[in-house]
Amino acid sequence: VDKFQATVSEWVNAQVTPGIRAEVEFRGATRP
């Protein structure tokens, strides 16, 4: 779960165009 959240944040920032600032806010997680 912890690694997953970092993975999503990295993906979002890699996707956005220069000139766009991205903020990713997680609200906790429940493990499987």
PDB file of all heavy atoms in Angstrom:
ATOM      1  N   VAL A   1       0.817  -1.207   0.000  1.00  0.00           N
ATOM      2  CA  VAL A   1       0.000   0.000   0.000  1.00  0.00           C
ATOM      3  C   VAL A   1       0.856   1.265   0.000  1.00  0.00           C
ATOM      4  O   VAL A   1       0.602   2.217  -0.748  1.00  0.00           O
ATOM      5  CB  VAL A   1      -0.979   0.006   1.192  1.00  0.00           C
ATOM      6  CG1 VAL A   1      -1.682   1.346   1.302  1.00  0.00           C
ATOM      7  CG2 VAL A   1      -1.994  -1.117   1.033  1.00  0.00           C
ATOM      8  N   ASP A   2       1.898   1.291   0.826  1.00  0.00           N
ATOM      9  CA  ASP A   2       2.731   2.494   0.899  1.00  0.00           C
ATOM     10  C   ASP A   2       3.467   2.733  -0.421  1.00  0.00           C
ATOM     11  O   ASP A   2       3.514   3.857  -0.932  1.00  0.00           O
ATOM     12  CB  ASP A   2       3.734   2.364   2.047  1.00  0.00           C
ATOM     13  CG  ASP A   2       3.048   2.272   3.394  1.00  0.00           C
ATOM     14  OD1 ASP A   2       1.958   2.871   3.530  1.00  0.00           O
ATOM     15  OD2 ASP A   2       3.584   1.606   4.298  1.00  0.00           O
ATOM     16  N   LYS A   3       4.036   1.686  -0.974  1.00  0.00           N
ATOM     17  CA  LYS A   3       4.716   1.802  -2.256  1.00  0.00           C
ATOM     18  C   LYS A   3       3.737   2.175  -3.357  1.00  0.00           C
ATOM     19  O   LYS A   3       4.058   2.971  -4.254  1.00  0.00           O
ATOM     20  CB  LYS A   3       5.411   0.482  -2.601  1.00  0.00           C
ATOM     21  CG  LYS A   3       6.154   0.501  -3.932  1.00  0.00           C
ATOM     22  CD  LYS A   3       6.778  -0.850  -4.236  1.00  0.00           C
ATOM     23  CE  LYS A   3       7.439  -0.841  -5.617  1.00  0.00           C
ATOM     24  NZ  LYS A   3       7.983  -2.179  -5.975  1.00  0.00           N
ATOM     25  N   PHE A   4       2.533   1.619  -3.282  1.00  0.00           N
ATOM     26  CA  PHE A   4       1.512   1.889  -4.284  1.00  0.00           C
ATOM     27  C   PHE A   4       1.177   3.381  -4.361  1.00  0.00           C
ATOM     28  O   PHE A   4       1.043   3.953  -5.437  1.00  0.00           O
ATOM     29  CB  PHE A   4       0.259   1.073  -3.943  1.00  0.00           C
ATOM     30  CG  PHE A   4      -0.998   1.586  -4.562  1.00  0.00           C
ATOM     31  CD1 PHE A   4      -1.298   1.309  -5.883  1.00  0.00           C
ATOM     32  CD2 PHE A   4      -1.876   2.368  -3.832  1.00  0.00           C
ATOM     33  CE1 PHE A   4      -2.448   1.793  -6.459  1.00  0.00           C
ATOM     34  CE2 PHE A   4      -3.026   2.858  -4.401  1.00  0.00           C
ATOM     35  CZ  PHE A   4      -3.317   2.571  -5.720  1.00  0.00           C
ATOM     36  N   GLN A   5       1.030   4.017  -3.211  1.00  0.00           N
ATOM     37  CA  GLN A   5       0.700   5.436  -3.214  1.00  0.00           C
ATOM     38  C   GLN A   5       1.803   6.258  -3.859  1.00  0.00           C
ATOM     39  O   GLN A   5       1.534   7.191  -4.621  1.00  0.00           O
ATOM     40  CB  GLN A   5       0.426   5.908  -1.780  1.00  0.00           C
ATOM     41  CG  GLN A   5      -0.824   5.278  -1.190  1.00  0.00           C
ATOM     42  CD  GLN A   5      -1.164   5.814   0.186  1.00  0.00           C
ATOM     43  OE1 GLN A   5      -0.403   6.568   0.777  1.00  0.00           O
ATOM     44  NE2 GLN A   5      -2.309   5.432   0.708  1.00  0.00           N
ATOM     45  N   ALA A   6       3.059   5.908  -3.589  1.00  0.00           N
ATOM     46  CA  ALA A   6       4.171   6.602  -4.234  1.00  0.00           C
ATOM     47  C   ALA A   6       4.162   6.359  -5.738  1.00  0.00           C
ATOM     48  O   ALA A   6       4.446   7.268  -6.534  1.00  0.00           O
ATOM     49  CB  ALA A   6       5.495   6.145  -3.624  1.00  0.00           C
ATOM     50  N   THR A   7       3.812   5.143  -6.146  1.00  0.00           N
ATOM     51  CA  THR A   7       3.761   4.801  -7.568  1.00  0.00           C
ATOM     52  C   THR A   7       2.725   5.645  -8.291  1.00  0.00           C
ATOM     53  O   THR A   7       2.973   6.156  -9.391  1.00  0.00           O
ATOM     54  CB  THR A   7       3.426   3.303  -7.728  1.00  0.00           C
ATOM     55  OG1 THR A   7       4.466   2.523  -7.145  1.00  0.00           O
ATOM     56  CG2 THR A   7       3.273   2.917  -9.193  1.00  0.00           C
ATOM     57  N   VAL A   8       1.551   5.815  -7.698  1.00  0.00           N
ATOM     58  CA  VAL A   8       0.500   6.618  -8.320  1.00  0.00           C
ATOM     59  C   VAL A   8       0.925   8.076  -8.427  1.00  0.00           C
ATOM     60  O   VAL A   8       0.741   8.727  -9.467  1.00  0.00           O
ATOM     61  CB  VAL A   8      -0.817   6.487  -7.537  1.00  0.00           C
ATOM     62  CG1 VAL A   8      -1.862   7.470  -8.064  1.00  0.00           C
ATOM     63  CG2 VAL A   8      -1.350   5.060  -7.622  1.00  0.00           C
ATOM     64  N   SER A   9       1.502   8.612  -7.372  1.00  0.00           N
ATOM     65  CA  SER A   9       1.942  10.012  -7.394  1.00  0.00           C
ATOM     66  C   SER A   9       2.990  10.242  -8.478  1.00  0.00           C
ATOM     67  O   SER A   9       2.944  11.247  -9.205  1.00  0.00           O
ATOM     68  CB  SER A   9       2.506  10.405  -6.026  1.00  0.00           C
ATOM     69  OG  SER A   9       1.498  10.339  -5.030  1.00  0.00           O
ATOM     70  N   GLU A  10       3.942   9.316  -8.600  1.00  0.00           N
ATOM     71  CA  GLU A  10       4.969   9.447  -9.641  1.00  0.00           C
ATOM     72  C   GLU A  10       4.353   9.394 -11.027  1.00  0.00           C
ATOM     73  O   GLU A  10       4.747  10.142 -11.938  1.00  0.00           O
ATOM     74  CB  GLU A  10       6.005   8.334  -9.482  1.00  0.00           C
ATOM     75  CG  GLU A  10       6.881   8.488  -8.240  1.00  0.00           C
ATOM     76  CD  GLU A  10       7.717   7.242  -7.964  1.00  0.00           C
ATOM     77  OE1 GLU A  10       7.690   6.308  -8.811  1.00  0.00           O
ATOM     78  OE2 GLU A  10       8.385   7.198  -6.908  1.00  0.00           O
ATOM     79  N   TRP A  11       3.386   8.518 -11.222  1.00  0.00           N
ATOM     80  CA  TRP A  11       2.726   8.409 -12.526  1.00  0.00           C
ATOM     81  C   TRP A  11       1.990   9.690 -12.879  1.00  0.00           C
ATOM     82  O   TRP A  11       2.088  10.175 -14.014  1.00  0.00           O
ATOM     83  CB  TRP A  11       1.754   7.230 -12.500  1.00  0.00           C
ATOM     84  CG  TRP A  11       0.952   7.099 -13.761  1.00  0.00           C
ATOM     85  CD1 TRP A  11       1.367   6.594 -14.953  1.00  0.00           C
ATOM     86  CD2 TRP A  11      -0.415   7.483 -13.945  1.00  0.00           C
ATOM     87  NE1 TRP A  11       0.347   6.630 -15.867  1.00  0.00           N
ATOM     88  CE2 TRP A  11      -0.766   7.173 -15.275  1.00  0.00           C
ATOM     89  CE3 TRP A  11      -1.381   8.046 -13.114  1.00  0.00           C
ATOM     90  CZ2 TRP A  11      -2.035   7.418 -15.798  1.00  0.00           C
ATOM     91  CZ3 TRP A  11      -2.641   8.290 -13.623  1.00  0.00           C
ATOM     92  CH2 TRP A  11      -2.967   7.988 -14.945  1.00  0.00           C
ATOM     93  N   VAL A  12       1.261  10.246 -11.930  1.00  0.00           N
ATOM     94  CA  VAL A  12       0.525  11.486 -12.197  1.00  0.00           C
ATOM     95  C   VAL A  12       1.480  12.596 -12.622  1.00  0.00           C
ATOM     96  O   VAL A  12       1.265  13.277 -13.628  1.00  0.00           O
ATOM     97  CB  VAL A  12      -0.286  11.922 -10.962  1.00  0.00           C
ATOM     98  CG1 VAL A  12      -0.837  13.337 -11.150  1.00  0.00           C
ATOM     99  CG2 VAL A  12      -1.420  10.933 -10.691  1.00  0.00           C
ATOM    100  N   ASN A  13       2.557  12.768 -11.884  1.00  0.00           N
ATOM    101  CA  ASN A  13       3.501  13.847 -12.203  1.00  0.00           C
ATOM    102  C   ASN A  13       4.212  13.613 -13.523  1.00  0.00           C
ATOM    103  O   ASN A  13       4.583  14.579 -14.218  1.00  0.00           O
ATOM    104  CB  ASN A  13       4.511  14.001 -11.066  1.00  0.00           C
ATOM    105  CG  ASN A  13       3.916  14.727  -9.867  1.00  0.00           C
ATOM    106  OD1 ASN A  13       3.662  15.927  -9.912  1.00  0.00           O
ATOM    107  ND2 ASN A  13       3.658  13.992  -8.792  1.00  0.00           N
ATOM    108  N   ALA A  14       4.384  12.346 -13.915  1.00  0.00           N
ATOM    109  CA  ALA A  14       5.008  12.055 -15.205  1.00  0.00           C
ATOM    110  C   ALA A  14       4.053  12.318 -16.363  1.00  0.00           C
ATOM    111  O   ALA A  14       4.491  12.560 -17.495  1.00  0.00           O
ATOM    112  CB  ALA A  14       5.478  10.603 -15.238  1.00  0.00           C
ATOM    113  N   GLN A  15       2.751  12.288 -16.093  1.00  0.00           N
ATOM    114  CA  GLN A  15       1.766  12.452 -17.165  1.00  0.00           C
ATOM    115  C   GLN A  15       1.499  13.911 -17.523  1.00  0.00           C
ATOM    116  O   GLN A  15       1.198  14.225 -18.667  1.00  0.00           O
ATOM    117  CB  GLN A  15       0.429  11.815 -16.735  1.00  0.00           C
ATOM    118  CG  GLN A  15       0.454  10.303 -16.633  1.00  0.00           C
ATOM    119  CD  GLN A  15       0.632   9.624 -17.968  1.00  0.00           C
ATOM    120  OE1 GLN A  15      -0.044   9.932 -18.943  1.00  0.00           O
ATOM    121  NE2 GLN A  15       1.580   8.694 -18.026  1.00  0.00           N
ATOM    122  N   VAL A  16       1.591  14.799 -16.539  1.00  0.00           N
ATOM    123  CA  VAL A  16       1.109  16.157 -16.773  1.00  0.00           C
ATOM    124  C   VAL A  16       2.090  16.966 -17.619  1.00  0.00           C
ATOM    125  O   VAL A  16       3.309  16.771 -17.579  1.00  0.00           O
ATOM    126  CB  VAL A  16       0.830  16.896 -15.449  1.00  0.00           C
ATOM    127  CG1 VAL A  16      -0.275  16.198 -14.679  1.00  0.00           C
ATOM    128  CG2 VAL A  16       2.085  17.004 -14.598  1.00  0.00           C
ATOM    129  N   THR A  17       1.531  17.882 -18.363  1.00  0.00           N
ATOM    130  CA  THR A  17       2.280  18.768 -19.250  1.00  0.00           C
ATOM    131  C   THR A  17       3.052  19.809 -18.435  1.00  0.00           C
ATOM    132  O   THR A  17       2.557  20.268 -17.403  1.00  0.00           O
ATOM    133  CB  THR A  17       1.286  19.498 -20.182  1.00  0.00           C
ATOM    134  OG1 THR A  17       0.564  18.514 -20.925  1.00  0.00           O
ATOM    135  CG2 THR A  17       1.981  20.456 -21.117  1.00  0.00           C
ATOM    136  N   PRO A  18       4.251  20.199 -18.875  1.00  0.00           N
ATOM    137  CA  PRO A  18       4.932  21.332 -18.226  1.00  0.00           C
ATOM    138  C   PRO A  18       4.011  22.551 -18.189  1.00  0.00           C
ATOM    139  O   PRO A  18       3.315  22.859 -19.160  1.00  0.00           O
ATOM    140  CB  PRO A  18       6.144  21.563 -19.130  1.00  0.00           C
ATOM    141  CG  PRO A  18       6.413  20.222 -19.745  1.00  0.00           C
ATOM    142  CD  PRO A  18       5.078  19.607 -19.959  1.00  0.00           C
ATOM    143  N   GLY A  19       4.006  23.214 -17.064  1.00  0.00           N
ATOM    144  CA  GLY A  19       3.095  24.342 -16.883  1.00  0.00           C
ATOM    145  C   GLY A  19       1.870  23.977 -16.071  1.00  0.00           C
ATOM    146  O   GLY A  19       1.103  24.857 -15.670  1.00  0.00           O
ATOM    147  N   ILE A  20       1.680  22.672 -15.830  1.00  0.00           N
ATOM    148  CA  ILE A  20       0.600  22.195 -14.957  1.00  0.00           C
ATOM    149  C   ILE A  20       1.229  21.667 -13.671  1.00  0.00           C
ATOM    150  O   ILE A  20       2.150  20.862 -13.702  1.00  0.00           O
ATOM    151  CB  ILE A  20      -0.223  21.067 -15.618  1.00  0.00           C
ATOM    152  CG1 ILE A  20      -0.955  21.584 -16.862  1.00  0.00           C
ATOM    153  CG2 ILE A  20      -1.205  20.463 -14.623  1.00  0.00           C
ATOM    154  CD1 ILE A  20      -2.111  22.528 -16.564  1.00  0.00           C
ATOM    155  N   ARG A  21       0.726  22.142 -12.558  1.00  0.00           N
ATOM    156  CA  ARG A  21       1.199  21.648 -11.268  1.00  0.00           C
ATOM    157  C   ARG A  21       0.169  20.665 -10.715  1.00  0.00           C
ATOM    158  O   ARG A  21      -1.015  20.987 -10.622  1.00  0.00           O
ATOM    159  CB  ARG A  21       1.398  22.810 -10.296  1.00  0.00           C
ATOM    160  CG  ARG A  21       1.840  22.378  -8.894  1.00  0.00           C
ATOM    161  CD  ARG A  21       2.210  23.608  -8.031  1.00  0.00           C
ATOM    162  NE  ARG A  21       1.112  24.543  -7.909  1.00  0.00           N
ATOM    163  CZ  ARG A  21       0.134  24.462  -6.999  1.00  0.00           C
ATOM    164  NH1 ARG A  21       0.130  23.447  -6.138  1.00  0.00           N
ATOM    165  NH2 ARG A  21      -0.809  25.375  -6.952  1.00  0.00           N
ATOM    166  N   ALA A  22       0.639  19.468 -10.372  1.00  0.00           N
ATOM    167  CA  ALA A  22      -0.261  18.423  -9.883  1.00  0.00           C
ATOM    168  C   ALA A  22      -0.065  18.203  -8.391  1.00  0.00           C
ATOM    169  O   ALA A  22       1.060  18.168  -7.901  1.00  0.00           O
ATOM    170  CB  ALA A  22      -0.017  17.116 -10.630  1.00  0.00           C
ATOM    171  N   GLU A  23      -1.151  18.063  -7.683  1.00  0.00           N
ATOM    172  CA  GLU A  23      -1.140  17.676  -6.270  1.00  0.00           C
ATOM    173  C   GLU A  23      -1.947  16.393  -6.122  1.00  0.00           C
ATOM    174  O   GLU A  23      -3.065  16.305  -6.634  1.00  0.00           O
ATOM    175  CB  GLU A  23      -1.769  18.768  -5.401  1.00  0.00           C
ATOM    176  CG  GLU A  23      -1.018  20.089  -5.411  1.00  0.00           C
ATOM    177  CD  GLU A  23      -1.748  21.159  -4.610  1.00  0.00           C
ATOM    178  OE1 GLU A  23      -2.940  20.938  -4.294  1.00  0.00           O
ATOM    179  OE2 GLU A  23      -1.149  22.194  -4.317  1.00  0.00           O
ATOM    180  N   VAL A  24      -1.375  15.396  -5.439  1.00  0.00           N
ATOM    181  CA  VAL A  24      -2.050  14.122  -5.219  1.00  0.00           C
ATOM    182  C   VAL A  24      -2.204  13.917  -3.716  1.00  0.00           C
ATOM    183  O   VAL A  24      -1.209  13.856  -2.994  1.00  0.00           O
ATOM    184  CB  VAL A  24      -1.263  12.945  -5.835  1.00  0.00           C
ATOM    185  CG1 VAL A  24      -2.041  11.641  -5.665  1.00  0.00           C
ATOM    186  CG2 VAL A  24      -0.962  13.205  -7.308  1.00  0.00           C
ATOM    187  N   GLU A  25      -3.449  13.832  -3.275  1.00  0.00           N
ATOM    188  CA  GLU A  25      -3.724  13.677  -1.848  1.00  0.00           C
ATOM    189  C   GLU A  25      -4.440  12.362  -1.598  1.00  0.00           C
ATOM    190  O   GLU A  25      -5.565  12.160  -2.076  1.00  0.00           O
ATOM    191  CB  GLU A  25      -4.583  14.828  -1.332  1.00  0.00           C
ATOM    192  CG  GLU A  25      -4.913  14.719   0.150  1.00  0.00           C
ATOM    193  CD  GLU A  25      -5.858  15.810   0.621  1.00  0.00           C
ATOM    194  OE1 GLU A  25      -6.256  16.655  -0.207  1.00  0.00           O
ATOM    195  OE2 GLU A  25      -6.206  15.796   1.816  1.00  0.00           O
ATOM    196  N   PHE A  26      -3.783  11.447  -0.882  1.00  0.00           N
ATOM    197  CA  PHE A  26      -4.411  10.190  -0.482  1.00  0.00           C
ATOM    198  C   PHE A  26      -5.069  10.364   0.874  1.00  0.00           C
ATOM    199  O   PHE A  26      -4.569  11.095   1.727  1.00  0.00           O
ATOM    200  CB  PHE A  26      -3.371   9.067  -0.420  1.00  0.00           C
ATOM    201  CG  PHE A  26      -3.074   8.447  -1.754  1.00  0.00           C
ATOM    202  CD1 PHE A  26      -2.039   8.939  -2.543  1.00  0.00           C
ATOM    203  CD2 PHE A  26      -3.829   7.393  -2.227  1.00  0.00           C
ATOM    204  CE1 PHE A  26      -1.763   8.377  -3.775  1.00  0.00           C
ATOM    205  CE2 PHE A  26      -3.554   6.827  -3.457  1.00  0.00           C
ATOM    206  CZ  PHE A  26      -2.522   7.312  -4.243  1.00  0.00           C
ATOM    207  N   ARG A  27      -6.173   9.657   1.064  1.00  0.00           N
ATOM    208  CA  ARG A  27      -6.901   9.744   2.327  1.00  0.00           C
ATOM    209  C   ARG A  27      -6.837   8.416   3.082  1.00  0.00           C
ATOM    210  O   ARG A  27      -7.844   7.900   3.536  1.00  0.00           O
ATOM    211  CB  ARG A  27      -8.344  10.160   2.056  1.00  0.00           C
ATOM    212  CG  ARG A  27      -8.506  11.658   1.913  1.00  0.00           C
ATOM    213  CD  ARG A  27      -9.895  12.012   1.473  1.00  0.00           C
ATOM    214  NE  ARG A  27     -10.092  11.727   0.067  1.00  0.00           N
ATOM    215  CZ  ARG A  27      -9.737  12.562  -0.915  1.00  0.00           C
ATOM    216  NH1 ARG A  27      -9.183  13.717  -0.617  1.00  0.00           N
ATOM    217  NH2 ARG A  27      -9.931  12.248  -2.179  1.00  0.00           N
ATOM    218  N   GLY A  28      -5.657   7.874   3.210  1.00  0.00           N
ATOM    219  CA  GLY A  28      -5.506   6.625   3.937  1.00  0.00           C
ATOM    220  C   GLY A  28      -5.828   5.434   3.046  1.00  0.00           C
ATOM    221  O   GLY A  28      -6.273   5.574   1.903  1.00  0.00           O
ATOM    222  N   ALA A  29      -5.626   4.244   3.567  1.00  0.00           N
ATOM    223  CA  ALA A  29      -5.852   3.035   2.789  1.00  0.00           C
ATOM    224  C   ALA A  29      -6.181   1.878   3.719  1.00  0.00           C
ATOM    225  O   ALA A  29      -5.778   1.852   4.878  1.00  0.00           O
ATOM    226  CB  ALA A  29      -4.615   2.701   1.963  1.00  0.00           C
ATOM    227  N   THR A  30      -6.932   0.943   3.188  1.00  0.00           N
ATOM    228  CA  THR A  30      -7.209  -0.315   3.873  1.00  0.00           C
ATOM    229  C   THR A  30      -6.502  -1.422   3.116  1.00  0.00           C
ATOM    230  O   THR A  30      -6.654  -1.543   1.897  1.00  0.00           O
ATOM    231  CB  THR A  30      -8.727  -0.589   3.905  1.00  0.00           C
ATOM    232  OG1 THR A  30      -9.370   0.443   4.634  1.00  0.00           O
ATOM    233  CG2 THR A  30      -9.019  -1.921   4.577  1.00  0.00           C
ATOM    234  N   ARG A  31      -5.747  -2.222   3.822  1.00  0.00           N
ATOM    235  CA  ARG A  31      -4.971  -3.272   3.170  1.00  0.00           C
ATOM    236  C   ARG A  31      -5.860  -4.465   2.819  1.00  0.00           C
ATOM    237  O   ARG A  31      -6.845  -4.740   3.510  1.00  0.00           O
ATOM    238  CB  ARG A  31      -3.818  -3.718   4.073  1.00  0.00           C
ATOM    239  CG  ARG A  31      -2.834  -2.604   4.387  1.00  0.00           C
ATOM    240  CD  ARG A  31      -1.712  -3.074   5.293  1.00  0.00           C
ATOM    241  NE  ARG A  31      -0.890  -1.958   5.719  1.00  0.00           N
ATOM    242  CZ  ARG A  31       0.120  -1.439   5.006  1.00  0.00           C
ATOM    243  NH1 ARG A  31       0.424  -1.985   3.839  1.00  0.00           N
ATOM    244  NH2 ARG A  31       0.813  -0.411   5.452  1.00  0.00           N
ATOM    245  N   PRO A  32      -5.505  -5.197   1.780  1.00  0.00           N
ATOM    246  CA  PRO A  32      -6.251  -6.403   1.444  1.00  0.00           C
ATOM    247  C   PRO A  32      -5.908  -7.542   2.392  1.00  0.00           C
ATOM    248  O   PRO A  32      -4.890  -7.502   3.088  1.00  0.00           O
ATOM    249  CB  PRO A  32      -5.767  -6.722   0.015  1.00  0.00           C
ATOM    250  CG  PRO A  32      -4.379  -6.150  -0.037  1.00  0.00           C
ATOM    251  CD  PRO A  32      -4.395  -4.924   0.843  1.00  0.00           C
TER     252      PRO A  32
END
